[in-house]
Amino acid sequence: MALQYDEIVRGSLAKQVADLIRAAILEGRLQVDERLPTEEELAKRFGISRPTVREALKVLAAQNLIRSRRGPAGGTFVTRPDLDAAARTITDAATLLVGMGRFEIDEIVAARGQTEALCCRLAARNRTDEDLDAMAQELLLQQDETLSDEDFCASDVRFHRAVVQATGNGPLQFIMHAMIESFIPITNMLIYRHHERRRTIGAHQRIRMAIAERDEDTAAALMQHHVEGMRAVLDQALAHRRLEKPGGETI
């Protein structure tokens, strides 16, 4: 096993051990499904206590880098990272940053416009009939006038998720997870009372049509126009919020 056992210094020993094992996994020195030494062996090699080793392993398990298995053939093994779990971690961090005001609305709109336009280009090139069906399903739902604002916004997220899925590009789908799952709900929370459903549905219909026709340039331009068109609605929503008293009563 390619671990450097002589790099432990004073400080947070458990964190250092976790970092060393994590680095070995990320650098490929520890392979997927490779079995780690026992807690006792790790404690001896690192010169630390078993409780410290156990704490380090808990950190790695929480990061989905290792898994434990009981029985005669059991032990602690390097696990293959779960893409969905990793994407959710990024989404949670992005949601927190947005909620704390780390990103300005203009930044979010610009980022969405550029990245989703790229997704439309690839979707127009790589989409399948199943991808088009997923978009059509959300469009049908969005035209239901009895749909609540919250359900409409959830369908909005799923439509954009379907566009990203249609790219057929794994790394882009992973990167876009935070954009779709964090940024769209955040902006929708601000504007749902002012949400122009007809405008949104019309934009979605035109985007789907361009993707269906494999017209990359039109699909990208329509998506960018759609996202940037939210700017005025967001400004209206934010202005409305500034006019509200703390109790919710409008001045």
C-alpha atoms as a PDB file:
ATOM      1  CA  MET A   1       0.000   0.000   0.000  1.00  0.00           C
ATOM      2  CA  ALA A   2       1.495   3.346  -1.078  1.00  0.00           C
ATOM      3  CA  LEU A   3       0.988   5.409   2.080  1.00  0.00           C
ATOM      4  CA  GLN A   4       3.610   7.650   3.672  1.00  0.00           C
ATOM      5  CA  TYR A   5       3.510   6.756   7.358  1.00  0.00           C
ATOM      6  CA  ASP A   6       6.258   9.168   8.429  1.00  0.00           C
ATOM      7  CA  GLU A   7       4.458  12.413   7.543  1.00  0.00           C
ATOM      8  CA  ILE A   8       2.406  12.776  10.733  1.00  0.00           C
ATOM      9  CA  VAL A   9       3.244  15.888  12.787  1.00  0.00           C
ATOM     10  CA  ARG A  10       1.737  17.454  15.871  1.00  0.00           C
ATOM     11  CA  GLY A  11      -1.739  18.892  15.428  1.00  0.00           C
ATOM     12  CA  SER A  12      -4.991  17.329  14.319  1.00  0.00           C
ATOM     13  CA  LEU A  13      -3.724  13.797  13.858  1.00  0.00           C
ATOM     14  CA  ALA A  14      -7.019  12.349  12.669  1.00  0.00           C
ATOM     15  CA  LYS A  15      -7.337  15.033   9.980  1.00  0.00           C
ATOM     16  CA  GLN A  16      -3.755  14.453   8.844  1.00  0.00           C
ATOM     17  CA  VAL A  17      -4.286  10.713   8.553  1.00  0.00           C
ATOM     18  CA  ALA A  18      -7.538  11.261   6.651  1.00  0.00           C
ATOM     19  CA  ASP A  19      -5.798  13.743   4.326  1.00  0.00           C
ATOM     20  CA  LEU A  20      -2.927  11.339   3.635  1.00  0.00           C
ATOM     21  CA  ILE A  21      -5.237   8.455   2.781  1.00  0.00           C
ATOM     22  CA  ARG A  22      -7.467  10.739   0.732  1.00  0.00           C
ATOM     23  CA  ALA A  23      -4.446  11.996  -1.258  1.00  0.00           C
ATOM     24  CA  ALA A  24      -3.340   8.411  -1.911  1.00  0.00           C
ATOM     25  CA  ILE A  25      -6.811   7.589  -3.263  1.00  0.00           C
ATOM     26  CA  LEU A  26      -7.060  10.689  -5.451  1.00  0.00           C
ATOM     27  CA  GLU A  27      -3.545  10.184  -6.836  1.00  0.00           C
ATOM     28  CA  GLY A  28      -4.248   6.543  -7.658  1.00  0.00           C
ATOM     29  CA  ARG A  29      -1.762   5.100  -5.176  1.00  0.00           C
ATOM     30  CA  LEU A  30      -4.718   3.369  -3.553  1.00  0.00           C
ATOM     31  CA  GLN A  31      -7.013   1.693  -6.058  1.00  0.00           C
ATOM     32  CA  VAL A  32     -10.784   1.218  -6.001  1.00  0.00           C
ATOM     33  CA  ASP A  33     -11.696  -1.909  -3.980  1.00  0.00           C
ATOM     34  CA  GLU A  34      -8.209  -2.080  -2.432  1.00  0.00           C
ATOM     35  CA  ARG A  35      -8.314  -3.139   1.202  1.00  0.00           C
ATOM     36  CA  LEU A  36      -6.775  -0.847   3.801  1.00  0.00           C
ATOM     37  CA  PRO A  37      -4.783  -2.196   6.749  1.00  0.00           C
ATOM     38  CA  THR A  38      -6.735  -2.803   9.944  1.00  0.00           C
ATOM     39  CA  GLU A  39      -7.188  -0.052  12.512  1.00  0.00           C
ATOM     40  CA  GLU A  40      -4.522  -1.694  14.651  1.00  0.00           C
ATOM     41  CA  GLU A  41      -2.068  -1.869  11.766  1.00  0.00           C
ATOM     42  CA  LEU A  42      -2.699   1.750  10.778  1.00  0.00           C
ATOM     43  CA  ALA A  43      -2.266   2.879  14.384  1.00  0.00           C
ATOM     44  CA  LYS A  44       1.111   1.116  14.627  1.00  0.00           C
ATOM     45  CA  ARG A  45       2.360   2.384  11.276  1.00  0.00           C
ATOM     46  CA  PHE A  46       1.308   5.984  11.908  1.00  0.00           C
ATOM     47  CA  GLY A  47       2.328   5.840  15.558  1.00  0.00           C
ATOM     48  CA  ILE A  48      -1.058   6.993  16.810  1.00  0.00           C
ATOM     49  CA  SER A  49      -3.943   5.559  18.829  1.00  0.00           C
ATOM     50  CA  ARG A  50      -6.714   3.376  17.400  1.00  0.00           C
ATOM     51  CA  PRO A  51      -9.423   5.941  18.343  1.00  0.00           C
ATOM     52  CA  THR A  52      -7.545   8.518  16.242  1.00  0.00           C
ATOM     53  CA  VAL A  53      -7.421   6.094  13.315  1.00  0.00           C
ATOM     54  CA  ARG A  54     -11.120   5.383  13.760  1.00  0.00           C
ATOM     55  CA  GLU A  55     -11.898   9.105  13.679  1.00  0.00           C
ATOM     56  CA  ALA A  56      -9.878   9.511  10.463  1.00  0.00           C
ATOM     57  CA  LEU A  57     -11.717   6.628   8.832  1.00  0.00           C
ATOM     58  CA  LYS A  58     -15.058   8.156   9.795  1.00  0.00           C
ATOM     59  CA  VAL A  59     -14.035  11.333   7.953  1.00  0.00           C
ATOM     60  CA  LEU A  60     -13.159   9.346   4.830  1.00  0.00           C
ATOM     61  CA  ALA A  61     -16.398   7.349   5.036  1.00  0.00           C
ATOM     62  CA  ALA A  62     -18.378  10.588   5.265  1.00  0.00           C
ATOM     63  CA  GLN A  63     -16.633  11.688   2.053  1.00  0.00           C
ATOM     64  CA  ASN A  64     -17.700   8.393   0.400  1.00  0.00           C
ATOM     65  CA  LEU A  65     -14.065   7.437  -0.210  1.00  0.00           C
ATOM     66  CA  ILE A  66     -14.048   4.231   1.813  1.00  0.00           C
ATOM     67  CA  ARG A  67     -16.570   1.603   2.888  1.00  0.00           C
ATOM     68  CA  SER A  68     -16.580  -1.067   5.569  1.00  0.00           C
ATOM     69  CA  ARG A  69     -17.622  -4.677   5.132  1.00  0.00           C
ATOM     70  CA  ARG A  70     -18.103  -7.255   7.866  1.00  0.00           C
ATOM     71  CA  GLY A  71     -17.375 -10.937   7.820  1.00  0.00           C
ATOM     72  CA  PRO A  72     -14.343 -13.146   7.107  1.00  0.00           C
ATOM     73  CA  ALA A  73     -13.590 -11.223   3.909  1.00  0.00           C
ATOM     74  CA  GLY A  74     -14.479  -7.905   5.503  1.00  0.00           C
ATOM     75  CA  GLY A  75     -12.453  -4.826   6.263  1.00  0.00           C
ATOM     76  CA  THR A  76     -12.176  -1.269   5.022  1.00  0.00           C
ATOM     77  CA  PHE A  77     -12.003  -0.772   1.264  1.00  0.00           C
ATOM     78  CA  VAL A  78     -11.502   2.112  -1.142  1.00  0.00           C
ATOM     79  CA  THR A  79     -14.829   2.814  -2.794  1.00  0.00           C
ATOM     80  CA  ARG A  80     -15.645   4.229  -6.181  1.00  0.00           C
ATOM     81  CA  PRO A  81     -16.840   7.822  -5.725  1.00  0.00           C
ATOM     82  CA  ASP A  82     -20.579   8.210  -6.230  1.00  0.00           C
ATOM     83  CA  LEU A  83     -21.197  10.948  -8.800  1.00  0.00           C
ATOM     84  CA  ASP A  84     -24.656  11.787  -7.494  1.00  0.00           C
ATOM     85  CA  ALA A  85     -23.402  12.107  -3.923  1.00  0.00           C
ATOM     86  CA  ALA A  86     -20.494  14.293  -5.042  1.00  0.00           C
ATOM     87  CA  ALA A  87     -22.836  16.462  -7.094  1.00  0.00           C
ATOM     88  CA  ARG A  88     -25.168  16.865  -4.121  1.00  0.00           C
ATOM     89  CA  THR A  89     -22.233  18.011  -2.007  1.00  0.00           C
ATOM     90  CA  ILE A  90     -21.406  20.715  -4.569  1.00  0.00           C
ATOM     91  CA  THR A  91     -25.064  21.690  -4.765  1.00  0.00           C
ATOM     92  CA  ASP A  92     -25.336  22.044  -0.997  1.00  0.00           C
ATOM     93  CA  ALA A  93     -22.227  24.242  -0.929  1.00  0.00           C
ATOM     94  CA  ALA A  94     -23.504  26.401  -3.801  1.00  0.00           C
ATOM     95  CA  THR A  95     -26.908  26.810  -2.144  1.00  0.00           C
ATOM     96  CA  LEU A  96     -25.228  27.889   1.085  1.00  0.00           C
ATOM     97  CA  LEU A  97     -23.021  30.420  -0.723  1.00  0.00           C
ATOM     98  CA  VAL A  98     -25.989  31.895  -2.575  1.00  0.00           C
ATOM     99  CA  GLY A  99     -28.026  32.079   0.618  1.00  0.00           C
ATOM    100  CA  MET A 100     -25.200  33.939   2.338  1.00  0.00           C
ATOM    101  CA  GLY A 101     -25.005  36.463  -0.484  1.00  0.00           C
ATOM    102  CA  ARG A 102     -21.643  35.279  -1.797  1.00  0.00           C
ATOM    103  CA  PHE A 103     -22.879  35.510  -5.394  1.00  0.00           C
ATOM    104  CA  GLU A 104     -24.657  38.494  -6.906  1.00  0.00           C
ATOM    105  CA  ILE A 105     -27.795  37.972  -8.969  1.00  0.00           C
ATOM    106  CA  ASP A 106     -26.026  39.424 -12.033  1.00  0.00           C
ATOM    107  CA  GLU A 107     -23.285  36.810 -11.628  1.00  0.00           C
ATOM    108  CA  ILE A 108     -25.814  33.996 -11.398  1.00  0.00           C
ATOM    109  CA  VAL A 109     -27.709  35.195 -14.479  1.00  0.00           C
ATOM    110  CA  ALA A 110     -24.474  35.567 -16.484  1.00  0.00           C
ATOM    111  CA  ALA A 111     -23.205  32.145 -15.421  1.00  0.00           C
ATOM    112  CA  ARG A 112     -26.509  30.470 -16.246  1.00  0.00           C
ATOM    113  CA  GLY A 113     -26.778  32.206 -19.601  1.00  0.00           C
ATOM    114  CA  GLN A 114     -23.351  31.126 -20.788  1.00  0.00           C
ATOM    115  CA  THR A 115     -23.312  27.582 -19.446  1.00  0.00           C
ATOM    116  CA  GLU A 116     -26.872  26.685 -20.387  1.00  0.00           C
ATOM    117  CA  ALA A 117     -26.321  28.069 -23.890  1.00  0.00           C
ATOM    118  CA  LEU A 118     -23.411  25.640 -24.226  1.00  0.00           C
ATOM    119  CA  CYS A 119     -25.674  22.840 -22.965  1.00  0.00           C
ATOM    120  CA  CYS A 120     -28.232  23.705 -25.648  1.00  0.00           C
ATOM    121  CA  ARG A 121     -25.609  23.420 -28.359  1.00  0.00           C
ATOM    122  CA  LEU A 122     -24.586  19.959 -27.204  1.00  0.00           C
ATOM    123  CA  ALA A 123     -28.192  18.934 -26.581  1.00  0.00           C
ATOM    124  CA  ALA A 124     -29.116  19.857 -30.150  1.00  0.00           C
ATOM    125  CA  ARG A 125     -26.230  17.696 -31.328  1.00  0.00           C
ATOM    126  CA  ASN A 126     -26.680  14.685 -29.049  1.00  0.00           C
ATOM    127  CA  ARG A 127     -30.303  14.593 -27.866  1.00  0.00           C
ATOM    128  CA  THR A 128     -32.367  11.428 -28.057  1.00  0.00           C
ATOM    129  CA  ASP A 129     -36.106  10.965 -28.440  1.00  0.00           C
ATOM    130  CA  GLU A 130     -36.228  10.169 -24.722  1.00  0.00           C
ATOM    131  CA  ASP A 131     -34.654  13.546 -23.940  1.00  0.00           C
ATOM    132  CA  LEU A 132     -37.254  15.336 -26.067  1.00  0.00           C
ATOM    133  CA  ASP A 133     -40.016  13.379 -24.361  1.00  0.00           C
ATOM    134  CA  ALA A 134     -38.729  14.462 -20.937  1.00  0.00           C
ATOM    135  CA  MET A 135     -38.857  18.117 -22.000  1.00  0.00           C
ATOM    136  CA  ALA A 136     -42.302  17.685 -23.548  1.00  0.00           C
ATOM    137  CA  GLN A 137     -43.611  16.125 -20.350  1.00  0.00           C
ATOM    138  CA  GLU A 138     -42.586  19.178 -18.338  1.00  0.00           C
ATOM    139  CA  LEU A 139     -44.055  21.549 -20.932  1.00  0.00           C
ATOM    140  CA  LEU A 140     -47.376  19.746 -20.723  1.00  0.00           C
ATOM    141  CA  LEU A 141     -47.342  20.022 -16.943  1.00  0.00           C
ATOM    142  CA  GLN A 142     -46.408  23.714 -17.011  1.00  0.00           C
ATOM    143  CA  GLN A 143     -49.500  24.531 -19.065  1.00  0.00           C
ATOM    144  CA  ASP A 144     -51.750  23.323 -16.245  1.00  0.00           C
ATOM    145  CA  GLU A 145     -53.192  26.576 -14.886  1.00  0.00           C
ATOM    146  CA  THR A 146     -54.027  24.911 -11.564  1.00  0.00           C
ATOM    147  CA  LEU A 147     -50.350  24.181 -10.932  1.00  0.00           C
ATOM    148  CA  SER A 148     -49.026  25.913  -7.816  1.00  0.00           C
ATOM    149  CA  ASP A 149     -46.093  28.315  -8.032  1.00  0.00           C
ATOM    150  CA  GLU A 150     -43.896  25.854  -6.172  1.00  0.00           C
ATOM    151  CA  ASP A 151     -44.798  22.975  -8.512  1.00  0.00           C
ATOM    152  CA  PHE A 152     -44.310  25.190 -11.565  1.00  0.00           C
ATOM    153  CA  CYS A 153     -40.840  26.138 -10.353  1.00  0.00           C
ATOM    154  CA  ALA A 154     -40.021  22.474  -9.690  1.00  0.00           C
ATOM    155  CA  SER A 155     -41.043  21.642 -13.261  1.00  0.00           C
ATOM    156  CA  ASP A 156     -38.890  24.532 -14.470  1.00  0.00           C
ATOM    157  CA  VAL A 157     -35.887  22.914 -12.769  1.00  0.00           C
ATOM    158  CA  ARG A 158     -36.692  19.534 -14.331  1.00  0.00           C
ATOM    159  CA  PHE A 159     -36.966  21.060 -17.811  1.00  0.00           C
ATOM    160  CA  HIS A 160     -33.509  22.608 -17.549  1.00  0.00           C
ATOM    161  CA  ARG A 161     -32.213  19.366 -16.036  1.00  0.00           C
ATOM    162  CA  ALA A 162     -33.557  17.510 -19.101  1.00  0.00           C
ATOM    163  CA  VAL A 163     -31.682  19.907 -21.403  1.00  0.00           C
ATOM    164  CA  VAL A 164     -28.446  19.225 -19.517  1.00  0.00           C
ATOM    165  CA  GLN A 165     -29.096  15.478 -19.612  1.00  0.00           C
ATOM    166  CA  ALA A 166     -29.563  15.713 -23.381  1.00  0.00           C
ATOM    167  CA  THR A 167     -25.956  16.904 -23.791  1.00  0.00           C
ATOM    168  CA  GLY A 168     -24.755  13.346 -23.250  1.00  0.00           C
ATOM    169  CA  ASN A 169     -21.646  14.851 -21.652  1.00  0.00           C
ATOM    170  CA  GLY A 170     -20.874  13.370 -18.221  1.00  0.00           C
ATOM    171  CA  PRO A 171     -18.431  16.022 -16.944  1.00  0.00           C
ATOM    172  CA  LEU A 172     -20.748  18.838 -18.040  1.00  0.00           C
ATOM    173  CA  GLN A 173     -23.736  17.142 -16.400  1.00  0.00           C
ATOM    174  CA  PHE A 174     -21.734  16.914 -13.180  1.00  0.00           C
ATOM    175  CA  ILE A 175     -20.652  20.558 -13.325  1.00  0.00           C
ATOM    176  CA  MET A 176     -24.141  21.744 -14.180  1.00  0.00           C
ATOM    177  CA  HIS A 177     -25.713  19.928 -11.234  1.00  0.00           C
ATOM    178  CA  ALA A 178     -25.047  22.852  -8.883  1.00  0.00           C
ATOM    179  CA  MET A 179     -26.164  25.366 -11.503  1.00  0.00           C
ATOM    180  CA  ILE A 180     -29.494  23.640 -12.060  1.00  0.00           C
ATOM    181  CA  GLU A 181     -30.246  22.380  -8.564  1.00  0.00           C
ATOM    182  CA  SER A 182     -29.086  25.494  -6.667  1.00  0.00           C
ATOM    183  CA  PHE A 183     -29.241  28.614  -8.799  1.00  0.00           C
ATOM    184  CA  ILE A 184     -32.617  28.039 -10.469  1.00  0.00           C
ATOM    185  CA  PRO A 185     -34.495  27.349  -7.202  1.00  0.00           C
ATOM    186  CA  ILE A 186     -32.850  30.366  -5.558  1.00  0.00           C
ATOM    187  CA  THR A 187     -33.925  32.753  -8.316  1.00  0.00           C
ATOM    188  CA  ASN A 188     -37.348  31.127  -8.515  1.00  0.00           C
ATOM    189  CA  MET A 189     -37.828  31.708  -4.789  1.00  0.00           C
ATOM    190  CA  LEU A 190     -37.327  35.408  -5.444  1.00  0.00           C
ATOM    191  CA  ILE A 191     -39.575  35.748  -8.465  1.00  0.00           C
ATOM    192  CA  TYR A 192     -42.313  33.135  -8.132  1.00  0.00           C
ATOM    193  CA  ARG A 193     -44.905  35.776  -7.253  1.00  0.00           C
ATOM    194  CA  HIS A 194     -43.948  37.662 -10.384  1.00  0.00           C
ATOM    195  CA  HIS A 195     -43.291  34.600 -12.540  1.00  0.00           C
ATOM    196  CA  GLU A 196     -44.569  35.129 -16.092  1.00  0.00           C
ATOM    197  CA  ARG A 197     -45.639  31.593 -16.852  1.00  0.00           C
ATOM    198  CA  ARG A 198     -46.598  32.210 -20.469  1.00  0.00           C
ATOM    199  CA  ARG A 199     -43.219  33.759 -21.210  1.00  0.00           C
ATOM    200  CA  THR A 200     -41.422  30.859 -19.541  1.00  0.00           C
ATOM    201  CA  ILE A 201     -43.506  28.201 -21.288  1.00  0.00           C
ATOM    202  CA  GLY A 202     -43.057  29.897 -24.649  1.00  0.00           C
ATOM    203  CA  ALA A 203     -39.296  30.070 -24.161  1.00  0.00           C
ATOM    204  CA  HIS A 204     -39.168  26.409 -23.159  1.00  0.00           C
ATOM    205  CA  GLN A 205     -41.211  25.406 -26.214  1.00  0.00           C
ATOM    206  CA  ARG A 206     -38.935  27.300 -28.598  1.00  0.00           C
ATOM    207  CA  ILE A 207     -35.810  25.868 -26.956  1.00  0.00           C
ATOM    208  CA  ARG A 208     -37.136  22.316 -27.232  1.00  0.00           C
ATOM    209  CA  MET A 209     -38.072  22.856 -30.876  1.00  0.00           C
ATOM    210  CA  ALA A 210     -34.595  24.109 -31.748  1.00  0.00           C
ATOM    211  CA  ILE A 211     -33.027  21.148 -29.946  1.00  0.00           C
ATOM    212  CA  ALA A 212     -35.387  18.757 -31.745  1.00  0.00           C
ATOM    213  CA  GLU A 213     -34.346  20.289 -35.071  1.00  0.00           C
ATOM    214  CA  ARG A 214     -30.670  20.034 -34.041  1.00  0.00           C
ATOM    215  CA  ASP A 215     -30.261  23.788 -34.569  1.00  0.00           C
ATOM    216  CA  GLU A 216     -27.372  24.469 -32.186  1.00  0.00           C
ATOM    217  CA  ASP A 217     -27.041  28.218 -32.768  1.00  0.00           C
ATOM    218  CA  THR A 218     -30.754  28.927 -32.362  1.00  0.00           C
ATOM    219  CA  ALA A 219     -31.065  26.713 -29.281  1.00  0.00           C
ATOM    220  CA  ALA A 220     -28.110  28.424 -27.607  1.00  0.00           C
ATOM    221  CA  ALA A 221     -29.367  31.920 -28.470  1.00  0.00           C
ATOM    222  CA  LEU A 222     -32.875  31.127 -27.227  1.00  0.00           C
ATOM    223  CA  MET A 223     -31.586  29.768 -23.919  1.00  0.00           C
ATOM    224  CA  GLN A 224     -29.340  32.761 -23.327  1.00  0.00           C
ATOM    225  CA  HIS A 225     -32.185  35.153 -24.136  1.00  0.00           C
ATOM    226  CA  HIS A 226     -34.504  33.189 -21.848  1.00  0.00           C
ATOM    227  CA  VAL A 227     -32.104  33.325 -18.887  1.00  0.00           C
ATOM    228  CA  GLU A 228     -31.107  36.947 -19.386  1.00  0.00           C
ATOM    229  CA  GLY A 229     -34.777  37.870 -19.716  1.00  0.00           C
ATOM    230  CA  MET A 230     -35.201  36.997 -16.047  1.00  0.00           C
ATOM    231  CA  ARG A 231     -33.151  40.034 -15.128  1.00  0.00           C
ATOM    232  CA  ALA A 232     -36.097  42.437 -15.341  1.00  0.00           C
ATOM    233  CA  VAL A 233     -38.358  40.065 -13.401  1.00  0.00           C
ATOM    234  CA  LEU A 234     -35.709  39.656 -10.700  1.00  0.00           C
ATOM    235  CA  ASP A 235     -35.282  43.416 -10.444  1.00  0.00           C
ATOM    236  CA  GLN A 236     -39.016  43.764  -9.985  1.00  0.00           C
ATOM    237  CA  ALA A 237     -39.084  41.075  -7.296  1.00  0.00           C
ATOM    238  CA  LEU A 238     -36.138  42.555  -5.410  1.00  0.00           C
ATOM    239  CA  ALA A 239     -37.664  46.040  -5.558  1.00  0.00           C
ATOM    240  CA  HIS A 240     -40.904  44.614  -4.165  1.00  0.00           C
ATOM    241  CA  ARG A 241     -39.022  42.996  -1.304  1.00  0.00           C
ATOM    242  CA  ARG A 242     -37.296  46.252  -0.426  1.00  0.00           C
ATOM    243  CA  LEU A 243     -40.710  47.884  -0.071  1.00  0.00           C
ATOM    244  CA  GLU A 244     -41.884  45.271   2.398  1.00  0.00           C
ATOM    245  CA  LYS A 245     -41.771  45.808   6.120  1.00  0.00           C
ATOM    246  CA  PRO A 246     -40.219  43.080   8.341  1.00  0.00           C
ATOM    247  CA  GLY A 247     -43.684  41.716   9.126  1.00  0.00           C
ATOM    248  CA  GLY A 248     -44.462  41.234   5.439  1.00  0.00           C
ATOM    249  CA  GLU A 249     -46.805  44.209   5.123  1.00  0.00           C
ATOM    250  CA  THR A 250     -46.253  46.214   1.961  1.00  0.00           C
ATOM    251  CA  ILE A 251     -45.557  49.905   2.420  1.00  0.00           C
END
